[in-house]
């Protein structure tokens, strides 16, 4: 639903900018690898239980949770995805 709404509102970015990354899509690891590279699409990853832990993408700025996370440990791991430090992310001398 999230990807469909994004594509409907931003048809010029449809199909590449925001992508669902889960076990139901073909080649999910390739999408994760591309998401990990700042200049490659997808730039928005829509995922359920695939990107919560074990991924380090310092360029991630925003996390949006669409479900209740009942595990405190998992919640803090997920928060950690958005709190990685990144030098010069917002320009020279403007670090995250």
PDB file of N, CA and C in Angstrom:
ATOM      1  N   UNK A   1       0.820  -1.193   0.000  1.00  0.00           N
ATOM      2  CA  UNK A   1       0.000   0.000   0.000  1.00  0.00           C
ATOM      3  C   UNK A   1       0.869   1.263   0.000  1.00  0.00           C
ATOM      4  N   UNK A   2       1.931   1.248   0.785  1.00  0.00           N
ATOM      5  CA  UNK A   2       2.800   2.425   0.886  1.00  0.00           C
ATOM      6  C   UNK A   2       3.456   2.716  -0.467  1.00  0.00           C
ATOM      7  N   UNK A   3       3.975   1.692  -1.111  1.00  0.00           N
ATOM      8  CA  UNK A   3       4.605   1.871  -2.419  1.00  0.00           C
ATOM      9  C   UNK A   3       3.585   2.330  -3.459  1.00  0.00           C
ATOM     10  N   UNK A   4       2.392   1.773  -3.415  1.00  0.00           N
ATOM     11  CA  UNK A   4       1.342   2.183  -4.358  1.00  0.00           C
ATOM     12  C   UNK A   4       0.987   3.648  -4.175  1.00  0.00           C
ATOM     13  N   UNK A   5       0.859   4.109  -2.934  1.00  0.00           N
ATOM     14  CA  UNK A   5       0.524   5.512  -2.661  1.00  0.00           C
ATOM     15  C   UNK A   5       1.657   6.426  -3.117  1.00  0.00           C
ATOM     16  N   UNK A   6       2.908   6.010  -2.856  1.00  0.00           N
ATOM     17  CA  UNK A   6       4.053   6.808  -3.287  1.00  0.00           C
ATOM     18  C   UNK A   6       4.047   6.949  -4.805  1.00  0.00           C
ATOM     19  N   UNK A   7       3.887   5.826  -5.513  1.00  0.00           N
ATOM     20  CA  UNK A   7       3.892   5.848  -6.976  1.00  0.00           C
ATOM     21  C   UNK A   7       2.747   6.682  -7.535  1.00  0.00           C
ATOM     22  N   UNK A   8       1.587   6.657  -6.876  1.00  0.00           N
ATOM     23  CA  UNK A   8       0.440   7.453  -7.336  1.00  0.00           C
ATOM     24  C   UNK A   8       0.699   8.945  -7.142  1.00  0.00           C
ATOM     25  N   UNK A   9       1.353   9.305  -6.065  1.00  0.00           N
ATOM     26  CA  UNK A   9       1.607  10.720  -5.779  1.00  0.00           C
ATOM     27  C   UNK A   9       2.833  11.272  -6.491  1.00  0.00           C
ATOM     28  N   UNK A  10       3.748  10.404  -6.861  1.00  0.00           N
ATOM     29  CA  UNK A  10       4.975  10.826  -7.540  1.00  0.00           C
ATOM     30  C   UNK A  10       5.198   9.938  -8.764  1.00  0.00           C
ATOM     31  N   UNK A  11       4.335  10.058  -9.771  1.00  0.00           N
ATOM     32  CA  UNK A  11       4.427   9.160 -10.927  1.00  0.00           C
ATOM     33  C   UNK A  11       5.752   9.264 -11.676  1.00  0.00           C
ATOM     34  N   UNK A  12       6.412  10.409 -11.607  1.00  0.00           N
ATOM     35  CA  UNK A  12       7.699  10.558 -12.295  1.00  0.00           C
ATOM     36  C   UNK A  12       8.817   9.762 -11.601  1.00  0.00           C
ATOM     37  N   UNK A  13       8.574   9.295 -10.372  1.00  0.00           N
ATOM     38  CA  UNK A  13       9.549   8.470  -9.645  1.00  0.00           C
ATOM     39  C   UNK A  13       9.097   7.020  -9.511  1.00  0.00           C
ATOM     40  N   UNK A  14       7.981   6.709 -10.137  1.00  0.00           N
ATOM     41  CA  UNK A  14       7.334   5.403  -9.994  1.00  0.00           C
ATOM     42  C   UNK A  14       8.274   4.237 -10.328  1.00  0.00           C
ATOM     43  N   UNK A  15       8.253   3.243  -9.454  1.00  0.00           N
ATOM     44  CA  UNK A  15       8.929   1.990  -9.739  1.00  0.00           C
ATOM     45  C   UNK A  15      10.382   1.896  -9.358  1.00  0.00           C
ATOM     46  N   UNK A  16      11.036   3.022  -9.047  1.00  0.00           N
ATOM     47  CA  UNK A  16      12.452   2.906  -8.719  1.00  0.00           C
ATOM     48  C   UNK A  16      12.841   3.642  -7.442  1.00  0.00           C
ATOM     49  N   UNK A  17      12.265   4.802  -7.197  1.00  0.00           N
ATOM     50  CA  UNK A  17      12.677   5.631  -6.065  1.00  0.00           C
ATOM     51  C   UNK A  17      12.313   4.984  -4.731  1.00  0.00           C
ATOM     52  N   UNK A  18      11.097   4.494  -4.615  1.00  0.00           N
ATOM     53  CA  UNK A  18      10.631   3.803  -3.409  1.00  0.00           C
ATOM     54  C   UNK A  18      10.296   2.367  -3.795  1.00  0.00           C
ATOM     55  N   UNK A  19      10.908   1.427  -3.095  1.00  0.00           N
ATOM     56  CA  UNK A  19      10.698   0.023  -3.445  1.00  0.00           C
ATOM     57  C   UNK A  19      10.400  -0.807  -2.208  1.00  0.00           C
ATOM     58  N   UNK A  20       9.536  -1.788  -2.387  1.00  0.00           N
ATOM     59  CA  UNK A  20       9.300  -2.783  -1.352  1.00  0.00           C
ATOM     60  C   UNK A  20      10.492  -3.733  -1.370  1.00  0.00           C
ATOM     61  N   UNK A  21      11.051  -3.979  -0.195  1.00  0.00           N
ATOM     62  CA  UNK A  21      12.153  -4.938  -0.075  1.00  0.00           C
ATOM     63  C   UNK A  21      11.735  -5.936   0.985  1.00  0.00           C
ATOM     64  N   UNK A  22      11.303  -7.090   0.531  1.00  0.00           N
ATOM     65  CA  UNK A  22      10.973  -8.192   1.434  1.00  0.00           C
ATOM     66  C   UNK A  22      11.159  -9.503   0.690  1.00  0.00           C
ATOM     67  N   UNK A  23      10.794 -10.580   1.338  1.00  0.00           N
ATOM     68  CA  UNK A  23      11.045 -11.897   0.746  1.00  0.00           C
ATOM     69  C   UNK A  23      10.134 -12.215  -0.440  1.00  0.00           C
ATOM     70  N   UNK A  24       9.124 -11.378  -0.686  1.00  0.00           N
ATOM     71  CA  UNK A  24       8.215 -11.652  -1.797  1.00  0.00           C
ATOM     72  C   UNK A  24       8.710 -11.075  -3.127  1.00  0.00           C
ATOM     73  N   UNK A  25       9.708 -10.185  -3.096  1.00  0.00           N
ATOM     74  CA  UNK A  25      10.200  -9.580  -4.333  1.00  0.00           C
ATOM     75  C   UNK A  25      11.368 -10.384  -4.885  1.00  0.00           C
ATOM     76  N   UNK A  26      11.581 -10.238  -6.175  1.00  0.00           N
ATOM     77  CA  UNK A  26      12.686 -10.922  -6.821  1.00  0.00           C
ATOM     78  C   UNK A  26      13.988 -10.178  -6.523  1.00  0.00           C
ATOM     79  N   UNK A  27      15.023 -10.899  -6.154  1.00  0.00           N
ATOM     80  CA  UNK A  27      16.349 -10.361  -5.858  1.00  0.00           C
ATOM     81  C   UNK A  27      16.347  -9.298  -4.755  1.00  0.00           C
ATOM     82  N   UNK A  28      15.814  -9.621  -3.575  1.00  0.00           N
ATOM     83  CA  UNK A  28      15.795  -8.621  -2.498  1.00  0.00           C
ATOM     84  C   UNK A  28      17.197  -8.181  -2.068  1.00  0.00           C
ATOM     85  N   UNK A  29      18.172  -9.080  -2.112  1.00  0.00           N
ATOM     86  CA  UNK A  29      19.525  -8.694  -1.692  1.00  0.00           C
ATOM     87  C   UNK A  29      20.120  -7.649  -2.631  1.00  0.00           C
ATOM     88  N   UNK A  30      19.806  -7.727  -3.919  1.00  0.00           N
ATOM     89  CA  UNK A  30      20.284  -6.713  -4.865  1.00  0.00           C
ATOM     90  C   UNK A  30      19.686  -5.346  -4.534  1.00  0.00           C
ATOM     91  N   UNK A  31      18.405  -5.333  -4.148  1.00  0.00           N
ATOM     92  CA  UNK A  31      17.773  -4.079  -3.760  1.00  0.00           C
ATOM     93  C   UNK A  31      18.413  -3.521  -2.487  1.00  0.00           C
ATOM     94  N   UNK A  32      18.711  -4.386  -1.532  1.00  0.00           N
ATOM     95  CA  UNK A  32      19.376  -3.952  -0.304  1.00  0.00           C
ATOM     96  C   UNK A  32      20.761  -3.397  -0.628  1.00  0.00           C
ATOM     97  N   UNK A  33      21.492  -4.087  -1.484  1.00  0.00           N
ATOM     98  CA  UNK A  33      22.821  -3.621  -1.880  1.00  0.00           C
ATOM     99  C   UNK A  33      22.730  -2.242  -2.534  1.00  0.00           C
ATOM    100  N   UNK A  34      21.760  -2.053  -3.435  1.00  0.00           N
ATOM    101  CA  UNK A  34      21.587  -0.757  -4.089  1.00  0.00           C
ATOM    102  C   UNK A  34      21.162   0.324  -3.092  1.00  0.00           C
ATOM    103  N   UNK A  35      20.284  -0.025  -2.151  1.00  0.00           N
ATOM    104  CA  UNK A  35      19.847   0.925  -1.137  1.00  0.00           C
ATOM    105  C   UNK A  35      21.029   1.385  -0.279  1.00  0.00           C
ATOM    106  N   UNK A  36      22.009   0.526  -0.128  1.00  0.00           N
ATOM    107  CA  UNK A  36      23.185   0.850   0.673  1.00  0.00           C
ATOM    108  C   UNK A  36      24.135   1.814  -0.029  1.00  0.00           C
ATOM    109  N   UNK A  37      23.925   2.059  -1.310  1.00  0.00           N
ATOM    110  CA  UNK A  37      24.753   2.990  -2.088  1.00  0.00           C
ATOM    111  C   UNK A  37      23.939   4.267  -2.287  1.00  0.00           C
ATOM    112  N   UNK A  38      24.432   5.372  -1.741  1.00  0.00           N
ATOM    113  CA  UNK A  38      23.660   6.622  -1.682  1.00  0.00           C
ATOM    114  C   UNK A  38      23.149   7.099  -3.043  1.00  0.00           C
ATOM    115  N   UNK A  39      23.899   6.902  -4.097  1.00  0.00           N
ATOM    116  CA  UNK A  39      23.515   7.433  -5.409  1.00  0.00           C
ATOM    117  C   UNK A  39      22.641   6.504  -6.238  1.00  0.00           C
ATOM    118  N   UNK A  40      22.362   5.299  -5.736  1.00  0.00           N
ATOM    119  CA  UNK A  40      21.575   4.333  -6.503  1.00  0.00           C
ATOM    120  C   UNK A  40      20.177   4.181  -5.917  1.00  0.00           C
ATOM    121  N   UNK A  41      19.172   4.041  -6.787  1.00  0.00           N
ATOM    122  CA  UNK A  41      17.837   3.744  -6.268  1.00  0.00           C
ATOM    123  C   UNK A  41      17.763   2.281  -5.830  1.00  0.00           C
ATOM    124  N   UNK A  42      16.925   1.942  -4.915  1.00  0.00           N
ATOM    125  CA  UNK A  42      15.892   2.783  -4.321  1.00  0.00           C
ATOM    126  C   UNK A  42      16.456   3.682  -3.222  1.00  0.00           C
ATOM    127  N   UNK A  43      15.826   4.851  -3.065  1.00  0.00           N
ATOM    128  CA  UNK A  43      16.209   5.801  -2.024  1.00  0.00           C
ATOM    129  C   UNK A  43      15.279   5.696  -0.827  1.00  0.00           C
ATOM    130  N   UNK A  44      14.129   5.083  -1.034  1.00  0.00           N
ATOM    131  CA  UNK A  44      13.201   4.784   0.052  1.00  0.00           C
ATOM    132  C   UNK A  44      12.986   3.274   0.043  1.00  0.00           C
ATOM    133  N   UNK A  45      13.288   2.654   1.172  1.00  0.00           N
ATOM    134  CA  UNK A  45      13.111   1.210   1.313  1.00  0.00           C
ATOM    135  C   UNK A  45      11.877   0.953   2.166  1.00  0.00           C
ATOM    136  N   UNK A  46      10.933   0.215   1.616  1.00  0.00           N
ATOM    137  CA  UNK A  46       9.709  -0.157   2.331  1.00  0.00           C
ATOM    138  C   UNK A  46       9.859  -1.635   2.643  1.00  0.00           C
ATOM    139  N   UNK A  47       9.979  -1.933   3.932  1.00  0.00           N
ATOM    140  CA  UNK A  47      10.338  -3.293   4.292  1.00  0.00           C
ATOM    141  C   UNK A  47       9.640  -3.738   5.563  1.00  0.00           C
ATOM    142  N   UNK A  48       9.442  -5.042   5.658  1.00  0.00           N
ATOM    143  CA  UNK A  48       8.929  -5.658   6.870  1.00  0.00           C
ATOM    144  C   UNK A  48       9.938  -6.715   7.293  1.00  0.00           C
ATOM    145  N   UNK A  49      10.574  -6.483   8.426  1.00  0.00           N
ATOM    146  CA  UNK A  49      11.473  -7.457   9.047  1.00  0.00           C
ATOM    147  C   UNK A  49      12.693  -7.852   8.220  1.00  0.00           C
ATOM    148  N   UNK A  50      13.091  -7.059   7.249  1.00  0.00           N
ATOM    149  CA  UNK A  50      14.310  -7.380   6.513  1.00  0.00           C
ATOM    150  C   UNK A  50      15.419  -6.385   6.786  1.00  0.00           C
ATOM    151  N   UNK A  51      15.076  -5.163   7.128  1.00  0.00           N
ATOM    152  CA  UNK A  51      16.098  -4.141   7.316  1.00  0.00           C
ATOM    153  C   UNK A  51      16.187  -3.680   8.765  1.00  0.00           C
ATOM    154  N   UNK A  52      15.588  -4.437   9.682  1.00  0.00           N
ATOM    155  CA  UNK A  52      15.598  -4.017  11.092  1.00  0.00           C
ATOM    156  C   UNK A  52      16.977  -4.183  11.716  1.00  0.00           C
ATOM    157  N   UNK A  53      17.649  -5.256  11.389  1.00  0.00           N
ATOM    158  CA  UNK A  53      18.923  -5.563  12.019  1.00  0.00           C
ATOM    159  C   UNK A  53      19.927  -6.000  10.960  1.00  0.00           C
ATOM    160  N   UNK A  54      21.198  -5.842  11.284  1.00  0.00           N
ATOM    161  CA  UNK A  54      22.251  -6.359  10.421  1.00  0.00           C
ATOM    162  C   UNK A  54      22.502  -5.569   9.162  1.00  0.00           C
ATOM    163  N   UNK A  55      22.071  -4.327   9.107  1.00  0.00           N
ATOM    164  CA  UNK A  55      22.328  -3.489   7.939  1.00  0.00           C
ATOM    165  C   UNK A  55      22.863  -2.156   8.439  1.00  0.00           C
ATOM    166  N   UNK A  56      23.843  -1.615   7.740  1.00  0.00           N
ATOM    167  CA  UNK A  56      24.446  -0.352   8.147  1.00  0.00           C
ATOM    168  C   UNK A  56      24.470   0.582   6.946  1.00  0.00           C
ATOM    169  N   UNK A  57      23.544   1.523   6.919  1.00  0.00           N
ATOM    170  CA  UNK A  57      23.474   2.525   5.861  1.00  0.00           C
ATOM    171  C   UNK A  57      23.471   3.887   6.551  1.00  0.00           C
ATOM    172  N   UNK A  58      24.654   4.477   6.755  1.00  0.00           N
ATOM    173  CA  UNK A  58      24.740   5.732   7.503  1.00  0.00           C
ATOM    174  C   UNK A  58      23.946   6.888   6.893  1.00  0.00           C
ATOM    175  N   UNK A  59      23.629   6.806   5.609  1.00  0.00           N
ATOM    176  CA  UNK A  59      22.879   7.886   4.961  1.00  0.00           C
ATOM    177  C   UNK A  59      21.401   7.912   5.332  1.00  0.00           C
ATOM    178  N   UNK A  60      20.898   6.875   5.992  1.00  0.00           N
ATOM    179  CA  UNK A  60      19.482   6.837   6.385  1.00  0.00           C
ATOM    180  C   UNK A  60      19.202   7.995   7.334  1.00  0.00           C
ATOM    181  N   UNK A  61      18.195   8.792   6.974  1.00  0.00           N
ATOM    182  CA  UNK A  61      17.827   9.944   7.797  1.00  0.00           C
ATOM    183  C   UNK A  61      16.529   9.734   8.554  1.00  0.00           C
ATOM    184  N   UNK A  62      15.572   9.081   7.938  1.00  0.00           N
ATOM    185  CA  UNK A  62      14.249   8.957   8.534  1.00  0.00           C
ATOM    186  C   UNK A  62      13.801   7.507   8.566  1.00  0.00           C
ATOM    187  N   UNK A  63      13.179   7.147   9.668  1.00  0.00           N
ATOM    188  CA  UNK A  63      12.540   5.842   9.802  1.00  0.00           C
ATOM    189  C   UNK A  63      11.080   6.102  10.109  1.00  0.00           C
ATOM    190  N   UNK A  64      10.223   5.358   9.454  1.00  0.00           N
ATOM    191  CA  UNK A  64       8.790   5.467   9.716  1.00  0.00           C
ATOM    192  C   UNK A  64       8.310   4.074  10.081  1.00  0.00           C
ATOM    193  N   UNK A  65       7.689   3.960  11.242  1.00  0.00           N
ATOM    194  CA  UNK A  65       7.193   2.674  11.715  1.00  0.00           C
ATOM    195  C   UNK A  65       5.690   2.600  11.462  1.00  0.00           C
ATOM    196  N   UNK A  66       5.258   1.562  10.756  1.00  0.00           N
ATOM    197  CA  UNK A  66       3.844   1.360  10.459  1.00  0.00           C
ATOM    198  C   UNK A  66       3.268   0.172  11.221  1.00  0.00           C
ATOM    199  N   UNK A  67       4.013  -0.317  12.196  1.00  0.00           N
ATOM    200  CA  UNK A  67       3.503  -1.421  12.996  1.00  0.00           C
ATOM    201  C   UNK A  67       4.049  -1.280  14.410  1.00  0.00           C
ATOM    202  N   UNK A  68       3.387  -1.908  15.326  1.00  0.00           N
ATOM    203  CA  UNK A  68       3.827  -1.912  16.711  1.00  0.00           C
ATOM    204  C   UNK A  68       5.058  -2.812  16.828  1.00  0.00           C
ATOM    205  N   UNK A  69       6.081  -2.327  17.501  1.00  0.00           N
ATOM    206  CA  UNK A  69       7.275  -3.126  17.764  1.00  0.00           C
ATOM    207  C   UNK A  69       7.241  -3.469  19.247  1.00  0.00           C
ATOM    208  N   UNK A  70       7.027  -4.725  19.551  1.00  0.00           N
ATOM    209  CA  UNK A  70       6.850  -5.140  20.945  1.00  0.00           C
ATOM    210  C   UNK A  70       8.164  -5.482  21.652  1.00  0.00           C
ATOM    211  N   UNK A  71       9.203  -5.740  20.894  1.00  0.00           N
ATOM    212  CA  UNK A  71      10.493  -6.082  21.476  1.00  0.00           C
ATOM    213  C   UNK A  71      11.324  -4.820  21.661  1.00  0.00           C
ATOM    214  N   UNK A  72      11.718  -4.553  22.903  1.00  0.00           N
ATOM    215  CA  UNK A  72      12.542  -3.379  23.191  1.00  0.00           C
ATOM    216  C   UNK A  72      13.895  -3.484  22.484  1.00  0.00           C
ATOM    217  N   UNK A  73      14.467  -4.673  22.466  1.00  0.00           N
ATOM    218  CA  UNK A  73      15.754  -4.887  21.804  1.00  0.00           C
ATOM    219  C   UNK A  73      15.642  -4.605  20.306  1.00  0.00           C
ATOM    220  N   UNK A  74      14.629  -5.149  19.678  1.00  0.00           N
ATOM    221  CA  UNK A  74      14.440  -4.936  18.244  1.00  0.00           C
ATOM    222  C   UNK A  74      14.162  -3.464  17.953  1.00  0.00           C
ATOM    223  N   UNK A  75      13.378  -2.810  18.801  1.00  0.00           N
ATOM    224  CA  UNK A  75      13.081  -1.391  18.616  1.00  0.00           C
ATOM    225  C   UNK A  75      14.367  -0.576  18.600  1.00  0.00           C
ATOM    226  N   UNK A  76      15.262  -0.800  19.570  1.00  0.00           N
ATOM    227  CA  UNK A  76      16.500  -0.019  19.621  1.00  0.00           C
ATOM    228  C   UNK A  76      17.437  -0.374  18.473  1.00  0.00           C
ATOM    229  N   UNK A  77      17.400  -1.612  17.992  1.00  0.00           N
ATOM    230  CA  UNK A  77      18.183  -1.956  16.803  1.00  0.00           C
ATOM    231  C   UNK A  77      17.662  -1.183  15.596  1.00  0.00           C
ATOM    232  N   UNK A  78      16.349  -1.072  15.500  1.00  0.00           N
ATOM    233  CA  UNK A  78      15.746  -0.350  14.382  1.00  0.00           C
ATOM    234  C   UNK A  78      16.067   1.141  14.475  1.00  0.00           C
ATOM    235  N   UNK A  79      15.998   1.703  15.670  1.00  0.00           N
ATOM    236  CA  UNK A  79      16.362   3.112  15.862  1.00  0.00           C
ATOM    237  C   UNK A  79      17.815   3.326  15.448  1.00  0.00           C
ATOM    238  N   UNK A  80      18.642   2.348  15.736  1.00  0.00           N
ATOM    239  CA  UNK A  80      20.052   2.431  15.369  1.00  0.00           C
ATOM    240  C   UNK A  80      20.289   2.590  13.881  1.00  0.00           C
ATOM    241  N   UNK A  81      19.354   2.120  13.058  1.00  0.00           N
ATOM    242  CA  UNK A  81      19.497   2.283  11.606  1.00  0.00           C
ATOM    243  C   UNK A  81      19.517   3.765  11.228  1.00  0.00           C
ATOM    244  N   UNK A  82      18.797   4.586  11.963  1.00  0.00           N
ATOM    245  CA  UNK A  82      18.710   6.009  11.617  1.00  0.00           C
ATOM    246  C   UNK A  82      19.660   6.901  12.381  1.00  0.00           C
ATOM    247  N   UNK A  83      20.430   6.341  13.300  1.00  0.00           N
ATOM    248  CA  UNK A  83      21.302   7.180  14.126  1.00  0.00           C
ATOM    249  C   UNK A  83      22.786   6.973  13.832  1.00  0.00           C
ATOM    250  N   UNK A  84      23.107   6.275  12.777  1.00  0.00           N
ATOM    251  CA  UNK A  84      24.506   6.104  12.395  1.00  0.00           C
ATOM    252  C   UNK A  84      25.093   7.459  12.013  1.00  0.00           C
ATOM    253  N   UNK A  85      26.323   7.706  12.440  1.00  0.00           N
ATOM    254  CA  UNK A  85      26.998   8.956  12.098  1.00  0.00           C
ATOM    255  C   UNK A  85      27.444   8.915  10.643  1.00  0.00           C
ATOM    256  N   UNK A  86      27.454  10.080  10.003  1.00  0.00           N
ATOM    257  CA  UNK A  86      27.903  10.165   8.597  1.00  0.00           C
ATOM    258  C   UNK A  86      28.510  11.533   8.365  1.00  0.00           C
ATOM    259  N   UNK A  87      29.790  11.570   8.073  1.00  0.00           N
ATOM    260  CA  UNK A  87      30.515  12.820   7.854  1.00  0.00           C
ATOM    261  C   UNK A  87      30.042  13.490   6.565  1.00  0.00           C
ATOM    262  N   UNK A  88      29.875  14.804   6.636  1.00  0.00           N
ATOM    263  CA  UNK A  88      29.560  15.666   5.474  1.00  0.00           C
ATOM    264  C   UNK A  88      28.257  15.281   4.765  1.00  0.00           C
ATOM    265  N   UNK A  89      27.343  14.643   5.442  1.00  0.00           N
ATOM    266  CA  UNK A  89      26.083  14.216   4.802  1.00  0.00           C
ATOM    267  C   UNK A  89      25.286  15.398   4.270  1.00  0.00           C
ATOM    268  N   UNK A  90      25.293  16.504   4.974  1.00  0.00           N
ATOM    269  CA  UNK A  90      24.517  17.677   4.574  1.00  0.00           C
ATOM    270  C   UNK A  90      25.368  18.749   3.923  1.00  0.00           C
ATOM    271  N   UNK A  91      26.580  18.382   3.532  1.00  0.00           N
ATOM    272  CA  UNK A  91      27.516  19.321   2.916  1.00  0.00           C
ATOM    273  C   UNK A  91      28.809  19.329   3.709  1.00  0.00           C
ATOM    274  N   UNK A  92      29.835  19.978   3.167  1.00  0.00           N
ATOM    275  CA  UNK A  92      31.133  20.017   3.853  1.00  0.00           C
ATOM    276  C   UNK A  92      31.012  20.570   5.277  1.00  0.00           C
ATOM    277  N   UNK A  93      31.485  19.777   6.228  1.00  0.00           N
ATOM    278  CA  UNK A  93      31.447  20.184   7.629  1.00  0.00           C
ATOM    279  C   UNK A  93      30.098  20.080   8.297  1.00  0.00           C
ATOM    280  N   UNK A  94      29.099  19.540   7.568  1.00  0.00           N
ATOM    281  CA  UNK A  94      27.752  19.389   8.124  1.00  0.00           C
ATOM    282  C   UNK A  94      27.442  17.904   8.255  1.00  0.00           C
ATOM    283  N   UNK A  95      27.869  17.350   9.378  1.00  0.00           N
ATOM    284  CA  UNK A  95      27.782  15.916   9.616  1.00  0.00           C
ATOM    285  C   UNK A  95      26.423  15.510  10.170  1.00  0.00           C
ATOM    286  N   UNK A  96      26.118  14.248  10.007  1.00  0.00           N
ATOM    287  CA  UNK A  96      24.938  13.653  10.664  1.00  0.00           C
ATOM    288  C   UNK A  96      25.426  13.057  11.958  1.00  0.00           C
TER     289      UNK A  96
END
